[in-house]
Amino acid sequence: MAVSLEQYDQRLAYALLRIVVGLNLMMHGVARMWIGPGVFAAKLVGQFAHAPLPVWRLWSFGMVLPVVEALLGLLLLIGLRTRAALVAGSLLIMVLTFGSSLVQDWSAAAIQLTYALVYSVLLFLLRYNGWSVDAWMTRGDKQASTPDV
């Protein structure tokens, strides 16, 4: 099955956007792990000092967030379980937006709305996810299920 130039460009555009979003998210997590999850968690507790949230919950979230970001980012970067990673990333953005709104950090909330839009676009255009581990595995499954003639 030949792929037209238009289909090629659509897949290329999708792959480039998915890769840059994955790299961005992964590096958020990696950078936070690099400085130390405890350092990041302490900073988060400080940012939310006036929020009506228990410190232990903020600390726990701060310890887990870098790992979640790095993992979801890696999945998007390589295009593995892309749909699930996009849904999970969208849910993560909802939680982050809730937190930013709780402390009235409207500039952070605005940036998070941009992320939410990009996640939605990637999910909406998932049919163009041709350059990914998901697509490679799907092609492998189709070839394996085709009987030899």
Protein backbone atom coordinates (compact mmCIF):
# COMPACT_ATOMS: atom_id res chain seq x y z
CA MET A 1 0.00 0.00 0.00
CA ALA A 2 1.61 3.20 -1.19
CA VAL A 3 1.56 6.26 1.02
CA SER A 4 0.82 9.55 -0.73
CA LEU A 5 2.95 12.62 -0.13
CA GLU A 6 0.04 14.20 1.74
CA GLN A 7 -0.26 11.20 4.06
CA TYR A 8 3.52 11.24 4.54
CA ASP A 9 3.41 14.93 5.53
CA GLN A 10 0.49 14.33 7.93
CA ARG A 11 2.37 11.50 9.63
CA LEU A 12 5.54 13.57 9.74
CA ALA A 13 3.74 16.57 11.28
CA TYR A 14 2.07 14.35 13.86
CA ALA A 15 5.33 12.60 14.74
CA LEU A 16 7.19 15.89 15.15
CA LEU A 17 4.53 17.34 17.44
CA ARG A 18 4.26 14.11 19.46
CA ILE A 19 8.04 13.90 19.81
CA VAL A 20 8.50 17.51 20.94
CA VAL A 21 5.65 17.20 23.47
CA GLY A 22 7.11 13.92 24.73
CA LEU A 23 10.59 15.40 25.00
CA ASN A 24 9.24 18.44 26.85
CA LEU A 25 7.32 16.34 29.36
CA MET A 26 10.13 13.83 29.81
CA MET A 27 12.66 16.59 30.47
CA HIS A 28 10.35 18.16 33.07
CA GLY A 29 10.58 14.90 34.98
CA VAL A 30 14.27 14.26 34.33
CA ALA A 31 15.27 17.78 35.40
CA ARG A 32 13.26 17.43 38.60
CA MET A 33 14.78 14.03 39.33
CA TRP A 34 18.25 15.43 38.57
CA ILE A 35 17.97 18.06 41.32
CA GLY A 36 16.48 15.42 43.57
CA PRO A 37 12.83 14.59 44.10
CA GLY A 38 13.08 15.77 47.71
CA VAL A 39 14.31 19.19 46.61
CA PHE A 40 11.46 19.46 44.11
CA ALA A 41 8.90 18.26 46.67
CA ALA A 42 10.14 20.83 49.23
CA LYS A 43 9.84 23.60 46.63
CA LEU A 44 6.30 22.46 45.84
CA VAL A 45 5.36 22.47 49.54
CA GLY A 46 6.68 26.04 49.75
CA GLN A 47 4.68 27.16 46.71
CA PHE A 48 1.50 25.74 48.23
CA ALA A 49 2.12 26.92 51.80
CA HIS A 50 -1.09 28.97 51.79
CA ALA A 51 -3.21 26.39 49.96
CA PRO A 52 -5.70 24.30 51.94
CA LEU A 53 -3.87 21.05 51.19
CA PRO A 54 -2.08 18.80 53.69
CA VAL A 55 1.71 19.01 53.52
CA TRP A 56 2.06 15.23 53.35
CA ARG A 57 -0.13 15.15 50.23
CA LEU A 58 1.90 17.89 48.54
CA TRP A 59 5.15 16.17 49.47
CA SER A 60 3.92 12.81 48.14
CA PHE A 61 2.74 14.41 44.91
CA GLY A 62 6.09 16.19 44.53
CA MET A 63 7.96 12.91 44.97
CA VAL A 64 5.84 11.06 42.39
CA LEU A 65 5.33 13.80 39.78
CA PRO A 66 8.85 13.72 38.26
CA VAL A 67 8.67 9.98 37.66
CA VAL A 68 5.20 10.24 36.11
CA GLU A 69 6.32 13.10 33.85
CA ALA A 70 9.45 11.25 32.75
CA LEU A 71 7.55 8.03 32.03
CA LEU A 72 4.66 9.67 30.16
CA GLY A 73 7.12 11.81 28.23
CA LEU A 74 9.16 8.78 27.20
CA LEU A 75 6.02 6.96 26.05
CA LEU A 76 5.03 9.95 23.90
CA LEU A 77 8.57 10.44 22.63
CA ILE A 78 8.75 6.92 21.20
CA GLY A 79 5.04 6.57 20.46
CA LEU A 80 4.34 3.61 22.71
CA ARG A 81 0.82 3.33 24.17
CA THR A 82 0.30 6.79 22.70
CA ARG A 83 -3.43 7.00 23.35
CA ALA A 84 -3.08 5.98 26.99
CA ALA A 85 -0.13 8.35 27.47
CA LEU A 86 -2.11 11.25 25.98
CA VAL A 87 -5.12 10.55 28.19
CA ALA A 88 -2.88 10.21 31.27
CA GLY A 89 -1.04 13.41 30.31
CA SER A 90 -4.35 15.23 29.96
CA LEU A 91 -5.44 14.02 33.40
CA LEU A 92 -2.10 15.16 34.81
CA ILE A 93 -2.61 18.59 33.27
CA MET A 94 -6.06 18.73 34.91
CA VAL A 95 -4.48 18.08 38.31
CA LEU A 96 -1.75 20.67 37.70
CA THR A 97 -4.31 23.22 36.53
CA PHE A 98 -6.34 22.61 39.67
CA GLY A 99 -3.24 23.26 41.78
CA SER A 100 -2.27 26.39 39.86
CA SER A 101 -5.79 27.74 40.17
CA LEU A 102 -5.90 26.91 43.87
CA VAL A 103 -2.91 29.18 44.51
CA GLN A 104 -4.14 31.67 41.89
CA ASP A 105 -1.08 31.28 39.66
CA TRP A 106 -2.94 32.29 36.51
CA SER A 107 0.15 32.45 34.29
CA ALA A 108 0.92 28.78 35.07
CA ALA A 109 -2.75 27.90 34.56
CA ALA A 110 -2.68 29.61 31.15
CA ILE A 111 0.38 27.60 30.11
CA GLN A 112 -1.33 24.43 31.28
CA LEU A 113 -4.35 25.28 29.10
CA THR A 114 -1.95 25.37 26.15
CA TYR A 115 -0.67 21.91 27.10
CA ALA A 116 -4.26 20.67 27.40
CA LEU A 117 -4.99 21.95 23.90
CA VAL A 118 -1.93 20.23 22.45
CA TYR A 119 -2.79 16.94 24.18
CA SER A 120 -6.34 17.19 22.78
CA VAL A 121 -5.06 17.87 19.27
CA LEU A 122 -2.69 14.90 19.46
CA LEU A 123 -5.49 12.66 20.70
CA PHE A 124 -7.90 13.94 18.04
CA LEU A 125 -5.33 13.31 15.28
CA LEU A 126 -4.14 9.96 16.62
CA ARG A 127 -4.95 8.32 13.27
CA TYR A 128 -1.80 10.01 11.90
CA ASN A 129 0.46 8.29 14.44
CA GLY A 130 2.24 6.35 11.72
CA TRP A 131 5.82 6.90 12.88
CA SER A 132 5.72 5.29 16.29
CA VAL A 133 6.34 2.08 18.18
CA ASP A 134 2.55 1.62 18.23
CA ALA A 135 2.38 1.69 14.42
CA TRP A 136 5.41 -0.59 14.13
CA MET A 137 3.81 -3.12 16.50
CA THR A 138 0.49 -2.93 14.64
CA ARG A 139 2.22 -3.58 11.31
CA GLY A 140 4.05 -6.51 12.89
CA ASP A 141 0.79 -7.96 14.22
CA LYS A 142 -0.89 -7.66 10.81
CA GLN A 143 2.03 -9.35 9.07
CA ALA A 144 2.14 -12.12 11.69
CA SER A 145 -1.59 -12.82 11.31
CA THR A 146 -1.47 -12.94 7.50
CA PRO A 147 -1.32 -16.58 6.38
CA ASP A 148 1.49 -17.60 4.06
CA VAL A 149 0.24 -18.47 0.61
